[in-house]
C-alpha atoms as a PDB file:
ATOM      1  CA  UNK A   1      91.153 -92.899 -14.892  1.00  0.00           C
ATOM      2  CA  UNK A   2      88.189 -93.728 -12.372  1.00  0.00           C
ATOM      3  CA  UNK A   3      84.943 -93.173 -14.181  1.00  0.00           C
ATOM      4  CA  UNK A   4      82.734 -92.801 -10.413  1.00  0.00           C
ATOM      5  CA  UNK A   5      84.983 -89.413 -10.622  1.00  0.00           C
ATOM      6  CA  UNK A   6      81.289 -87.749 -13.109  1.00  0.00           C
ATOM      7  CA  UNK A   7      78.230 -88.726 -12.228  1.00  0.00           C
ATOM      8  CA  UNK A   8      75.412 -87.783 -14.734  1.00  0.00           C
ATOM      9  CA  UNK A   9      71.608 -88.613 -13.596  1.00  0.00           C
ATOM     10  CA  UNK A  10      68.731 -88.255 -16.318  1.00  0.00           C
ATOM     11  CA  UNK A  11      65.695 -86.896 -14.725  1.00  0.00           C
ATOM     12  CA  UNK A  12      67.478 -83.865 -12.477  1.00  0.00           C
ATOM     13  CA  UNK A  13      66.157 -81.388 -14.962  1.00  0.00           C
ATOM     14  CA  UNK A  14      70.128 -80.084 -14.593  1.00  0.00           C
ATOM     15  CA  UNK A  15      71.850 -79.715 -17.934  1.00  0.00           C
ATOM     16  CA  UNK A  16      74.485 -82.437 -17.970  1.00  0.00           C
ATOM     17  CA  UNK A  17      77.166 -80.275 -18.740  1.00  0.00           C
ATOM     18  CA  UNK A  18      76.685 -79.044 -15.309  1.00  0.00           C
ATOM     19  CA  UNK A  19      76.631 -81.699 -13.662  1.00  0.00           C
ATOM     20  CA  UNK A  20      79.994 -82.344 -15.145  1.00  0.00           C
ATOM     21  CA  UNK A  21      81.287 -78.966 -14.172  1.00  0.00           C
ATOM     22  CA  UNK A  22      79.230 -80.374 -10.151  1.00  0.00           C
ATOM     23  CA  UNK A  23      81.235 -83.842 -10.216  1.00  0.00           C
ATOM     24  CA  UNK A  24      84.544 -82.736 -11.857  1.00  0.00           C
ATOM     25  CA  UNK A  25      84.561 -79.731  -8.965  1.00  0.00           C
ATOM     26  CA  UNK A  26      82.593 -82.020  -6.307  1.00  0.00           C
ATOM     27  CA  UNK A  27      86.485 -84.866  -7.058  1.00  0.00           C
ATOM     28  CA  UNK A  28      88.124 -81.744  -7.016  1.00  0.00           C
ATOM     29  CA  UNK A  29      87.247 -81.319  -3.148  1.00  0.00           C
ATOM     30  CA  UNK A  30      86.742 -84.447  -1.800  1.00  0.00           C
ATOM     31  CA  UNK A  31      89.977 -84.417  -3.205  1.00  0.00           C
ATOM     32  CA  UNK A  32      89.722 -87.763  -6.017  1.00  0.00           C
ATOM     33  CA  UNK A  33      91.086 -85.934  -8.616  1.00  0.00           C
ATOM     34  CA  UNK A  34      94.721 -83.315  -6.971  1.00  0.00           C
ATOM     35  CA  UNK A  35      96.566 -81.051  -8.834  1.00  0.00           C
ATOM     36  CA  UNK A  36      98.212 -81.902 -12.095  1.00  0.00           C
ATOM     37  CA  UNK A  37      96.068 -85.177 -12.424  1.00  0.00           C
ATOM     38  CA  UNK A  38      93.608 -86.355 -15.593  1.00  0.00           C
ATOM     39  CA  UNK A  39      90.250 -85.888 -16.185  1.00  0.00           C
ATOM     40  CA  UNK A  40      88.221 -89.052 -17.481  1.00  0.00           C
ATOM     41  CA  UNK A  41      88.801 -88.667 -21.609  1.00  0.00           C
ATOM     42  CA  UNK A  42      85.686 -86.361 -23.887  1.00  0.00           C
ATOM     43  CA  UNK A  43      85.254 -89.793 -25.680  1.00  0.00           C
ATOM     44  CA  UNK A  44      85.103 -92.182 -21.735  1.00  0.00           C
ATOM     45  CA  UNK A  45      82.306 -90.257 -20.220  1.00  0.00           C
ATOM     46  CA  UNK A  46      80.850 -89.425 -24.265  1.00  0.00           C
ATOM     47  CA  UNK A  47      80.584 -93.333 -23.840  1.00  0.00           C
ATOM     48  CA  UNK A  48      79.674 -93.448 -20.430  1.00  0.00           C
ATOM     49  CA  UNK A  49      76.258 -91.934 -20.276  1.00  0.00           C
ATOM     50  CA  UNK A  50      75.215 -91.174 -24.064  1.00  0.00           C
ATOM     51  CA  UNK A  51      76.170 -88.057 -24.358  1.00  0.00           C
ATOM     52  CA  UNK A  52      77.389 -86.242 -27.227  1.00  0.00           C
ATOM     53  CA  UNK A  53      80.914 -83.958 -27.343  1.00  0.00           C
ATOM     54  CA  UNK A  54      79.101 -80.961 -26.934  1.00  0.00           C
ATOM     55  CA  UNK A  55      78.271 -81.054 -23.935  1.00  0.00           C
ATOM     56  CA  UNK A  56      81.578 -82.539 -22.630  1.00  0.00           C
ATOM     57  CA  UNK A  57      83.205 -79.859 -24.127  1.00  0.00           C
ATOM     58  CA  UNK A  58      81.154 -77.463 -23.007  1.00  0.00           C
ATOM     59  CA  UNK A  59      82.010 -78.263 -19.714  1.00  0.00           C
ATOM     60  CA  UNK A  60      85.637 -78.385 -20.009  1.00  0.00           C
ATOM     61  CA  UNK A  61      85.187 -75.595 -21.710  1.00  0.00           C
ATOM     62  CA  UNK A  62      83.801 -73.856 -18.594  1.00  0.00           C
ATOM     63  CA  UNK A  63      86.837 -75.926 -15.920  1.00  0.00           C
ATOM     64  CA  UNK A  64      89.225 -74.621 -18.515  1.00  0.00           C
ATOM     65  CA  UNK A  65      88.321 -70.474 -18.934  1.00  0.00           C
ATOM     66  CA  UNK A  66      87.341 -70.619 -15.174  1.00  0.00           C
ATOM     67  CA  UNK A  67      91.437 -71.653 -14.487  1.00  0.00           C
ATOM     68  CA  UNK A  68      90.368 -75.055 -12.706  1.00  0.00           C
ATOM     69  CA  UNK A  69      91.657 -77.245 -16.079  1.00  0.00           C
ATOM     70  CA  UNK A  70      93.855 -77.171 -18.464  1.00  0.00           C
ATOM     71  CA  UNK A  71      94.542 -79.372 -21.959  1.00  0.00           C
ATOM     72  CA  UNK A  72      97.541 -80.699 -23.601  1.00  0.00           C
ATOM     73  CA  UNK A  73      96.914 -81.251 -26.652  1.00  0.00           C
ATOM     74  CA  UNK A  74      96.894 -85.013 -28.011  1.00  0.00           C
ATOM     75  CA  UNK A  75      97.279 -85.624 -24.304  1.00  0.00           C
ATOM     76  CA  UNK A  76      94.186 -84.351 -22.833  1.00  0.00           C
ATOM     77  CA  UNK A  77      92.358 -82.596 -19.221  1.00  0.00           C
ATOM     78  CA  UNK A  78      94.810 -82.061 -16.426  1.00  0.00           C
ATOM     79  CA  UNK A  79      93.706 -80.175 -13.128  1.00  0.00           C
ATOM     80  CA  UNK A  80      95.165 -77.066 -12.451  1.00  0.00           C
ATOM     81  CA  UNK A  81      93.649 -75.268  -9.926  1.00  0.00           C
ATOM     82  CA  UNK A  82      92.055 -76.564  -6.607  1.00  0.00           C
ATOM     83  CA  UNK A  83      90.645 -72.930  -6.064  1.00  0.00           C
ATOM     84  CA  UNK A  84      86.462 -74.152  -7.248  1.00  0.00           C
ATOM     85  CA  UNK A  85      85.119 -71.132  -5.642  1.00  0.00           C
ATOM     86  CA  UNK A  86      86.284 -68.898  -8.350  1.00  0.00           C
ATOM     87  CA  UNK A  87      83.621 -68.818 -10.960  1.00  0.00           C
ATOM     88  CA  UNK A  88      84.192 -65.853 -13.252  1.00  0.00           C
ATOM     89  CA  UNK A  89      87.659 -65.300 -14.387  1.00  0.00           C
ATOM     90  CA  UNK A  90      87.953 -62.573 -15.501  1.00  0.00           C
ATOM     91  CA  UNK A  91      90.830 -60.635 -18.291  1.00  0.00           C
ATOM     92  CA  UNK A  92      90.434 -57.033 -18.172  1.00  0.00           C
ATOM     93  CA  UNK A  93      91.865 -54.974 -20.242  1.00  0.00           C
ATOM     94  CA  UNK A  94      93.689 -51.409 -19.807  1.00  0.00           C
ATOM     95  CA  UNK A  95      94.823 -49.015 -21.581  1.00  0.00           C
ATOM     96  CA  UNK A  96      97.026 -47.801 -19.308  1.00  0.00           C
ATOM     97  CA  UNK A  97      96.979 -47.267 -15.450  1.00  0.00           C
ATOM     98  CA  UNK A  98      96.833 -43.464 -13.579  1.00  0.00           C
ATOM     99  CA  UNK A  99      95.750 -42.093 -10.815  1.00  0.00           C
ATOM    100  CA  UNK A 100      92.059 -42.449 -12.452  1.00  0.00           C
ATOM    101  CA  UNK A 101      91.860 -45.821 -13.984  1.00  0.00           C
ATOM    102  CA  UNK A 102      93.094 -46.339 -10.426  1.00  0.00           C
ATOM    103  CA  UNK A 103      89.897 -45.202  -8.624  1.00  0.00           C
ATOM    104  CA  UNK A 104      88.184 -47.389 -11.134  1.00  0.00           C
ATOM    105  CA  UNK A 105      90.142 -50.698 -11.149  1.00  0.00           C
ATOM    106  CA  UNK A 106      89.415 -51.015  -8.010  1.00  0.00           C
ATOM    107  CA  UNK A 107      86.008 -50.157  -6.980  1.00  0.00           C
ATOM    108  CA  UNK A 108      85.079 -52.605 -10.751  1.00  0.00           C
ATOM    109  CA  UNK A 109      87.459 -54.846  -7.145  1.00  0.00           C
ATOM    110  CA  UNK A 110      85.465 -54.141  -4.400  1.00  0.00           C
ATOM    111  CA  UNK A 111      81.694 -54.771  -6.255  1.00  0.00           C
ATOM    112  CA  UNK A 112      82.790 -58.101  -7.970  1.00  0.00           C
ATOM    113  CA  UNK A 113      82.915 -60.582  -5.111  1.00  0.00           C
ATOM    114  CA  UNK A 114      85.246 -62.249  -4.144  1.00  0.00           C
ATOM    115  CA  UNK A 115      84.360 -65.433  -6.293  1.00  0.00           C
ATOM    116  CA  UNK A 116      86.359 -63.739  -9.386  1.00  0.00           C
ATOM    117  CA  UNK A 117      89.719 -63.680  -9.961  1.00  0.00           C
ATOM    118  CA  UNK A 118      90.914 -61.008 -11.669  1.00  0.00           C
ATOM    119  CA  UNK A 119      93.396 -60.520 -14.398  1.00  0.00           C
ATOM    120  CA  UNK A 120      94.953 -56.864 -15.597  1.00  0.00           C
ATOM    121  CA  UNK A 121      96.571 -56.431 -18.520  1.00  0.00           C
ATOM    122  CA  UNK A 122      97.240 -52.752 -20.284  1.00  0.00           C
ATOM    123  CA  UNK A 123      97.742 -52.729 -23.992  1.00  0.00           C
ATOM    124  CA  UNK A 124      99.591 -48.433 -24.472  1.00  0.00           C
ATOM    125  CA  UNK A 125      97.400 -47.407 -27.880  1.00  0.00           C
ATOM    126  CA  UNK A 126      99.977 -50.344 -29.348  1.00  0.00           C
ATOM    127  CA  UNK A 127      98.006 -51.833 -31.420  1.00  0.00           C
ATOM    128  CA  UNK A 128      99.848 -54.849 -31.945  1.00  0.00           C
ATOM    129  CA  UNK A 129     100.191 -55.516 -27.727  1.00  0.00           C
ATOM    130  CA  UNK A 130      96.431 -54.878 -28.259  1.00  0.00           C
ATOM    131  CA  UNK A 131      96.209 -58.301 -30.836  1.00  0.00           C
ATOM    132  CA  UNK A 132      98.709 -60.027 -28.495  1.00  0.00           C
ATOM    133  CA  UNK A 133      96.341 -59.599 -25.459  1.00  0.00           C
ATOM    134  CA  UNK A 134      93.981 -60.447 -26.178  1.00  0.00           C
ATOM    135  CA  UNK A 135      95.388 -63.666 -28.814  1.00  0.00           C
ATOM    136  CA  UNK A 136      97.332 -64.885 -26.280  1.00  0.00           C
ATOM    137  CA  UNK A 137      93.938 -64.851 -23.344  1.00  0.00           C
ATOM    138  CA  UNK A 138      91.592 -66.204 -26.092  1.00  0.00           C
ATOM    139  CA  UNK A 139      89.940 -69.438 -24.685  1.00  0.00           C
ATOM    140  CA  UNK A 140      90.752 -68.979 -21.133  1.00  0.00           C
ATOM    141  CA  UNK A 141      88.381 -66.398 -19.497  1.00  0.00           C
ATOM    142  CA  UNK A 142      84.514 -66.484 -18.414  1.00  0.00           C
ATOM    143  CA  UNK A 143      84.384 -62.938 -19.092  1.00  0.00           C
ATOM    144  CA  UNK A 144      86.527 -60.398 -20.614  1.00  0.00           C
ATOM    145  CA  UNK A 145      86.207 -55.953 -20.030  1.00  0.00           C
ATOM    146  CA  UNK A 146      88.604 -53.807 -22.656  1.00  0.00           C
ATOM    147  CA  UNK A 147      89.499 -50.939 -22.922  1.00  0.00           C
ATOM    148  CA  UNK A 148      89.674 -49.392 -27.194  1.00  0.00           C
ATOM    149  CA  UNK A 149      90.375 -46.555 -26.210  1.00  0.00           C
ATOM    150  CA  UNK A 150      90.229 -45.073 -30.302  1.00  0.00           C
ATOM    151  CA  UNK A 151      92.140 -47.593 -31.573  1.00  0.00           C
ATOM    152  CA  UNK A 152      90.572 -47.835 -35.077  1.00  0.00           C
ATOM    153  CA  UNK A 153      91.485 -52.652 -35.572  1.00  0.00           C
ATOM    154  CA  UNK A 154      89.929 -52.401 -31.873  1.00  0.00           C
ATOM    155  CA  UNK A 155      87.375 -54.542 -33.298  1.00  0.00           C
ATOM    156  CA  UNK A 156      87.860 -56.377 -35.769  1.00  0.00           C
ATOM    157  CA  UNK A 157      90.582 -58.068 -33.345  1.00  0.00           C
ATOM    158  CA  UNK A 158      87.445 -58.212 -30.389  1.00  0.00           C
ATOM    159  CA  UNK A 159      85.598 -59.783 -32.438  1.00  0.00           C
ATOM    160  CA  UNK A 160      87.969 -63.312 -32.725  1.00  0.00           C
ATOM    161  CA  UNK A 161      86.658 -62.950 -29.217  1.00  0.00           C
ATOM    162  CA  UNK A 162      83.465 -65.472 -27.967  1.00  0.00           C
ATOM    163  CA  UNK A 163      81.030 -62.727 -28.365  1.00  0.00           C
ATOM    164  CA  UNK A 164      78.312 -63.376 -25.023  1.00  0.00           C
ATOM    165  CA  UNK A 165      81.867 -63.015 -22.974  1.00  0.00           C
ATOM    166  CA  UNK A 166      82.867 -59.505 -23.415  1.00  0.00           C
ATOM    167  CA  UNK A 167      82.040 -56.088 -22.246  1.00  0.00           C
ATOM    168  CA  UNK A 168      83.812 -52.118 -23.505  1.00  0.00           C
ATOM    169  CA  UNK A 169      84.397 -50.502 -21.472  1.00  0.00           C
ATOM    170  CA  UNK A 170      85.089 -46.431 -21.535  1.00  0.00           C
ATOM    171  CA  UNK A 171      85.573 -46.086 -24.531  1.00  0.00           C
ATOM    172  CA  UNK A 172      82.912 -47.173 -27.068  1.00  0.00           C
ATOM    173  CA  UNK A 173      82.304 -47.060 -31.216  1.00  0.00           C
ATOM    174  CA  UNK A 174      79.436 -47.663 -34.213  1.00  0.00           C
ATOM    175  CA  UNK A 175      82.101 -50.933 -34.544  1.00  0.00           C
ATOM    176  CA  UNK A 176      81.059 -52.317 -30.407  1.00  0.00           C
ATOM    177  CA  UNK A 177      77.192 -51.029 -30.736  1.00  0.00           C
ATOM    178  CA  UNK A 178      76.338 -54.309 -29.814  1.00  0.00           C
ATOM    179  CA  UNK A 179      78.320 -55.143 -27.061  1.00  0.00           C
ATOM    180  CA  UNK A 180      77.285 -53.794 -23.845  1.00  0.00           C
ATOM    181  CA  UNK A 181      79.400 -51.266 -22.857  1.00  0.00           C
ATOM    182  CA  UNK A 182      80.000 -48.863 -19.377  1.00  0.00           C
ATOM    183  CA  UNK A 183      81.163 -46.096 -21.632  1.00  0.00           C
ATOM    184  CA  UNK A 184      81.981 -41.872 -21.624  1.00  0.00           C
ATOM    185  CA  UNK A 185      79.923 -40.162 -24.203  1.00  0.00           C
ATOM    186  CA  UNK A 186      82.641 -38.363 -25.079  1.00  0.00           C
ATOM    187  CA  UNK A 187      80.891 -35.681 -28.155  1.00  0.00           C
ATOM    188  CA  UNK A 188      77.958 -35.038 -25.540  1.00  0.00           C
ATOM    189  CA  UNK A 189      79.498 -35.144 -21.766  1.00  0.00           C
ATOM    190  CA  UNK A 190      81.839 -31.723 -23.471  1.00  0.00           C
ATOM    191  CA  UNK A 191      78.928 -30.067 -24.963  1.00  0.00           C
ATOM    192  CA  UNK A 192      76.992 -30.307 -21.903  1.00  0.00           C
ATOM    193  CA  UNK A 193      79.758 -28.790 -19.230  1.00  0.00           C
ATOM    194  CA  UNK A 194      80.382 -26.201 -21.638  1.00  0.00           C
ATOM    195  CA  UNK A 195      77.188 -25.187 -21.239  1.00  0.00           C
ATOM    196  CA  UNK A 196      76.875 -25.684 -17.883  1.00  0.00           C
ATOM    197  CA  UNK A 197      80.013 -23.007 -17.489  1.00  0.00           C
ATOM    198  CA  UNK A 198      79.108 -20.976 -20.386  1.00  0.00           C
ATOM    199  CA  UNK A 199      78.584 -18.477 -18.483  1.00  0.00           C
ATOM    200  CA  UNK A 200      82.009 -17.907 -16.909  1.00  0.00           C
ATOM    201  CA  UNK A 201      82.790 -18.530 -20.410  1.00  0.00           C
ATOM    202  CA  UNK A 202      81.161 -15.471 -21.449  1.00  0.00           C
ATOM    203  CA  UNK A 203      84.164 -13.439 -19.583  1.00  0.00           C
ATOM    204  CA  UNK A 204      86.821 -14.632 -22.094  1.00  0.00           C
ATOM    205  CA  UNK A 205      87.718 -14.401 -25.787  1.00  0.00           C
ATOM    206  CA  UNK A 206      88.451 -17.252 -27.435  1.00  0.00           C
ATOM    207  CA  UNK A 207      89.141 -21.344 -26.029  1.00  0.00           C
ATOM    208  CA  UNK A 208      91.562 -23.062 -26.808  1.00  0.00           C
ATOM    209  CA  UNK A 209      91.405 -27.324 -27.068  1.00  0.00           C
ATOM    210  CA  UNK A 210      94.818 -28.724 -26.867  1.00  0.00           C
ATOM    211  CA  UNK A 211      94.471 -32.189 -28.339  1.00  0.00           C
ATOM    212  CA  UNK A 212      96.980 -34.376 -29.076  1.00  0.00           C
ATOM    213  CA  UNK A 213      95.127 -36.449 -30.962  1.00  0.00           C
ATOM    214  CA  UNK A 214      96.991 -40.027 -29.889  1.00  0.00           C
ATOM    215  CA  UNK A 215      95.311 -41.436 -27.021  1.00  0.00           C
ATOM    216  CA  UNK A 216      92.815 -38.571 -26.812  1.00  0.00           C
ATOM    217  CA  UNK A 217      88.599 -39.956 -27.810  1.00  0.00           C
ATOM    218  CA  UNK A 218      87.992 -38.188 -31.320  1.00  0.00           C
ATOM    219  CA  UNK A 219      84.440 -37.381 -29.936  1.00  0.00           C
ATOM    220  CA  UNK A 220      86.125 -34.663 -27.558  1.00  0.00           C
ATOM    221  CA  UNK A 221      87.115 -32.170 -29.900  1.00  0.00           C
ATOM    222  CA  UNK A 222      83.895 -33.187 -31.954  1.00  0.00           C
ATOM    223  CA  UNK A 223      82.226 -31.720 -28.731  1.00  0.00           C
ATOM    224  CA  UNK A 224      84.223 -28.652 -28.296  1.00  0.00           C
ATOM    225  CA  UNK A 225      83.920 -27.218 -32.294  1.00  0.00           C
ATOM    226  CA  UNK A 226      80.135 -27.915 -31.389  1.00  0.00           C
ATOM    227  CA  UNK A 227      80.073 -26.334 -28.777  1.00  0.00           C
ATOM    228  CA  UNK A 228      81.794 -23.051 -30.199  1.00  0.00           C
ATOM    229  CA  UNK A 229      80.048 -22.819 -33.563  1.00  0.00           C
ATOM    230  CA  UNK A 230      76.406 -23.125 -31.993  1.00  0.00           C
ATOM    231  CA  UNK A 231      77.767 -19.794 -29.805  1.00  0.00           C
ATOM    232  CA  UNK A 232      79.644 -17.812 -32.241  1.00  0.00           C
ATOM    233  CA  UNK A 233      82.390 -18.710 -29.749  1.00  0.00           C
ATOM    234  CA  UNK A 234      86.089 -17.544 -30.860  1.00  0.00           C
ATOM    235  CA  UNK A 235      87.925 -21.062 -31.158  1.00  0.00           C
ATOM    236  CA  UNK A 236      91.568 -22.764 -31.481  1.00  0.00           C
ATOM    237  CA  UNK A 237      92.411 -26.575 -31.240  1.00  0.00           C
ATOM    238  CA  UNK A 238      96.155 -26.713 -30.359  1.00  0.00           C
ATOM    239  CA  UNK A 239      98.126 -30.214 -30.795  1.00  0.00           C
ATOM    240  CA  UNK A 240     101.078 -28.895 -28.660  1.00  0.00           C
ATOM    241  CA  UNK A 241     100.653 -26.522 -25.757  1.00  0.00           C
ATOM    242  CA  UNK A 242     105.143 -25.765 -25.009  1.00  0.00           C
ATOM    243  CA  UNK A 243     106.065 -22.888 -27.994  1.00  0.00           C
ATOM    244  CA  UNK A 244     102.452 -21.192 -26.969  1.00  0.00           C
ATOM    245  CA  UNK A 245     102.725 -17.726 -25.193  1.00  0.00           C
ATOM    246  CA  UNK A 246      99.059 -17.602 -22.818  1.00  0.00           C
ATOM    247  CA  UNK A 247      97.440 -14.093 -24.379  1.00  0.00           C
ATOM    248  CA  UNK A 248      95.284 -12.735 -22.302  1.00  0.00           C
ATOM    249  CA  UNK A 249      91.258 -13.373 -22.113  1.00  0.00           C
ATOM    250  CA  UNK A 250      92.190 -17.180 -23.685  1.00  0.00           C
ATOM    251  CA  UNK A 251      90.843 -20.833 -21.784  1.00  0.00           C
ATOM    252  CA  UNK A 252      93.052 -23.946 -22.422  1.00  0.00           C
ATOM    253  CA  UNK A 253      91.023 -27.128 -22.171  1.00  0.00           C
ATOM    254  CA  UNK A 254      93.349 -29.230 -21.210  1.00  0.00           C
ATOM    255  CA  UNK A 255      92.558 -33.445 -20.991  1.00  0.00           C
ATOM    256  CA  UNK A 256      96.090 -33.539 -20.100  1.00  0.00           C
ATOM    257  CA  UNK A 257      97.917 -33.091 -16.136  1.00  0.00           C
ATOM    258  CA  UNK A 258     101.054 -32.682 -17.810  1.00  0.00           C
ATOM    259  CA  UNK A 259     100.003 -29.719 -20.845  1.00  0.00           C
ATOM    260  CA  UNK A 260      98.316 -28.405 -17.212  1.00  0.00           C
ATOM    261  CA  UNK A 261     101.477 -27.731 -15.688  1.00  0.00           C
ATOM    262  CA  UNK A 262     102.927 -26.295 -18.418  1.00  0.00           C
ATOM    263  CA  UNK A 263     100.428 -23.779 -18.678  1.00  0.00           C
ATOM    264  CA  UNK A 264     100.503 -23.000 -15.044  1.00  0.00           C
ATOM    265  CA  UNK A 265     104.250 -22.705 -15.239  1.00  0.00           C
ATOM    266  CA  UNK A 266     104.275 -20.178 -18.503  1.00  0.00           C
ATOM    267  CA  UNK A 267     101.323 -18.432 -17.314  1.00  0.00           C
ATOM    268  CA  UNK A 268     103.236 -17.965 -13.504  1.00  0.00           C
ATOM    269  CA  UNK A 269     106.641 -17.001 -15.773  1.00  0.00           C
ATOM    270  CA  UNK A 270     104.168 -14.167 -16.940  1.00  0.00           C
ATOM    271  CA  UNK A 271     102.770 -13.093 -13.500  1.00  0.00           C
ATOM    272  CA  UNK A 272      99.879 -14.002 -15.543  1.00  0.00           C
ATOM    273  CA  UNK A 273      96.267 -14.125 -12.332  1.00  0.00           C
ATOM    274  CA  UNK A 274      94.485 -17.865 -13.065  1.00  0.00           C
ATOM    275  CA  UNK A 275      90.115 -17.164 -13.223  1.00  0.00           C
ATOM    276  CA  UNK A 276      91.479 -13.598 -14.313  1.00  0.00           C
ATOM    277  CA  UNK A 277      93.257 -13.019 -16.977  1.00  0.00           C
ATOM    278  CA  UNK A 278      93.242 -16.647 -18.081  1.00  0.00           C
ATOM    279  CA  UNK A 279      91.156 -19.750 -17.532  1.00  0.00           C
ATOM    280  CA  UNK A 280      91.620 -23.306 -17.473  1.00  0.00           C
ATOM    281  CA  UNK A 281      89.267 -26.304 -17.159  1.00  0.00           C
ATOM    282  CA  UNK A 282      91.087 -29.866 -16.764  1.00  0.00           C
ATOM    283  CA  UNK A 283      89.817 -33.202 -17.668  1.00  0.00           C
ATOM    284  CA  UNK A 284      89.370 -35.770 -15.366  1.00  0.00           C
ATOM    285  CA  UNK A 285      89.021 -35.122 -11.113  1.00  0.00           C
ATOM    286  CA  UNK A 286      91.444 -35.766  -8.871  1.00  0.00           C
ATOM    287  CA  UNK A 287      91.660 -34.897  -5.624  1.00  0.00           C
ATOM    288  CA  UNK A 288      94.749 -32.329  -5.984  1.00  0.00           C
ATOM    289  CA  UNK A 289      92.824 -30.033  -8.538  1.00  0.00           C
ATOM    290  CA  UNK A 290      90.500 -28.649  -5.822  1.00  0.00           C
ATOM    291  CA  UNK A 291      93.474 -27.184  -3.900  1.00  0.00           C
ATOM    292  CA  UNK A 292      95.988 -26.412  -6.918  1.00  0.00           C
ATOM    293  CA  UNK A 293      95.749 -22.827  -7.801  1.00  0.00           C
ATOM    294  CA  UNK A 294      92.706 -22.303  -5.153  1.00  0.00           C
ATOM    295  CA  UNK A 295      90.831 -25.254  -7.642  1.00  0.00           C
ATOM    296  CA  UNK A 296      91.096 -26.309 -11.120  1.00  0.00           C
ATOM    297  CA  UNK A 297      87.886 -26.484 -13.211  1.00  0.00           C
ATOM    298  CA  UNK A 298      87.006 -29.756 -13.999  1.00  0.00           C
ATOM    299  CA  UNK A 299      85.167 -31.970 -16.664  1.00  0.00           C
ATOM    300  CA  UNK A 300      84.712 -35.266 -15.171  1.00  0.00           C
ATOM    301  CA  UNK A 301      82.748 -38.981 -15.773  1.00  0.00           C
ATOM    302  CA  UNK A 302      82.766 -41.335 -12.290  1.00  0.00           C
ATOM    303  CA  UNK A 303      85.595 -43.977 -12.531  1.00  0.00           C
ATOM    304  CA  UNK A 304      84.397 -45.417  -9.404  1.00  0.00           C
ATOM    305  CA  UNK A 305      80.712 -45.435 -10.370  1.00  0.00           C
ATOM    306  CA  UNK A 306      82.192 -46.144 -13.660  1.00  0.00           C
ATOM    307  CA  UNK A 307      83.849 -49.265 -12.162  1.00  0.00           C
ATOM    308  CA  UNK A 308      80.489 -50.204  -9.754  1.00  0.00           C
ATOM    309  CA  UNK A 309      78.436 -50.749 -12.587  1.00  0.00           C
ATOM    310  CA  UNK A 310      80.890 -53.080 -15.075  1.00  0.00           C
ATOM    311  CA  UNK A 311      80.637 -55.164 -11.798  1.00  0.00           C
ATOM    312  CA  UNK A 312      76.925 -55.007 -11.224  1.00  0.00           C
ATOM    313  CA  UNK A 313      76.546 -55.397 -15.423  1.00  0.00           C
ATOM    314  CA  UNK A 314      78.707 -58.591 -14.869  1.00  0.00           C
ATOM    315  CA  UNK A 315      77.485 -60.462 -12.271  1.00  0.00           C
ATOM    316  CA  UNK A 316      74.144 -59.853 -13.338  1.00  0.00           C
ATOM    317  CA  UNK A 317      74.553 -60.447 -16.918  1.00  0.00           C
ATOM    318  CA  UNK A 318      73.189 -57.372 -18.210  1.00  0.00           C
ATOM    319  CA  UNK A 319      73.614 -56.572 -21.879  1.00  0.00           C
ATOM    320  CA  UNK A 320      72.850 -52.749 -21.663  1.00  0.00           C
ATOM    321  CA  UNK A 321      74.666 -49.637 -23.586  1.00  0.00           C
ATOM    322  CA  UNK A 322      75.397 -47.464 -19.646  1.00  0.00           C
ATOM    323  CA  UNK A 323      76.747 -43.928 -20.359  1.00  0.00           C
ATOM    324  CA  UNK A 324      78.635 -43.096 -17.480  1.00  0.00           C
ATOM    325  CA  UNK A 325      77.635 -40.429 -16.063  1.00  0.00           C
ATOM    326  CA  UNK A 326      79.943 -36.751 -16.077  1.00  0.00           C
ATOM    327  CA  UNK A 327      80.159 -33.252 -14.813  1.00  0.00           C
ATOM    328  CA  UNK A 328      81.343 -29.582 -14.579  1.00  0.00           C
ATOM    329  CA  UNK A 329      83.362 -29.189 -11.360  1.00  0.00           C
ATOM    330  CA  UNK A 330      83.526 -25.437 -11.272  1.00  0.00           C
ATOM    331  CA  UNK A 331      86.285 -23.687  -9.315  1.00  0.00           C
ATOM    332  CA  UNK A 332      88.632 -20.578  -9.330  1.00  0.00           C
ATOM    333  CA  UNK A 333      90.025 -20.985 -12.445  1.00  0.00           C
ATOM    334  CA  UNK A 334      87.347 -20.274 -14.470  1.00  0.00           C
END
């Protein structure tokens, strides 16, 4: 292997590991190193330039995380990709893909820039899948952006990743409070939204939250209960709607759109008038909710803003925890 691939100067004021990275990039760009060709070994680079093993390892590990080189155990490092413009290789772990998360994802892509490669994965609220995806990706990316949802083991699994490369998205909790995040404060959001719509709620006699509790954030339930208790309102929390009859004077707060369809269908069978006989507050804004039944009232965060904020955080290296804004959009259904 031709050692001229690596070039180090002592008086440049640029860290040695950065000079190694630049050398490998230049060698690839000038076709001195081609795909699947071997890089100089760590020991050779250490001896040639009187460097510590850690310095060379740091450079090779960063190139590996960017997907430019790969390692074969006991044999060394090889060129994986000649795409040296990729400065960030990002692991993005969503719980599922729906219309809201698609908005978030597209907004993130639009704002992260062209020098990033994004690999998206889904854990579908399954702890084993969550664990395997994180385990298999560890060390292969420059950044890890993770939606832990309400998985109980999420924090201990996330802690196996390099601490300075992790960002939390959408839901966070006390076990993850050391990580930068863009998140929804579900307890506060539902409370403030119901407070904003309090005048409209006084027409009704009972508030009912449909809360299956499998995917929904616990804060949603806590905020709902607190609001009802604080204002002495009659309320109920149910795990499913299926066998229920809608009574006049009830308001349904519905996190899941399947339940939204069920409630509307059942109300039609009973000839109940939405916004008069009973009310609906749905979660998460979609274009359809503006027109269905002359408009469905929603509590919604701005998923496009969430994607943009996360991209900005990654690009600027911010380590903040940012609450994403949420709003009540009042329509005919309340």
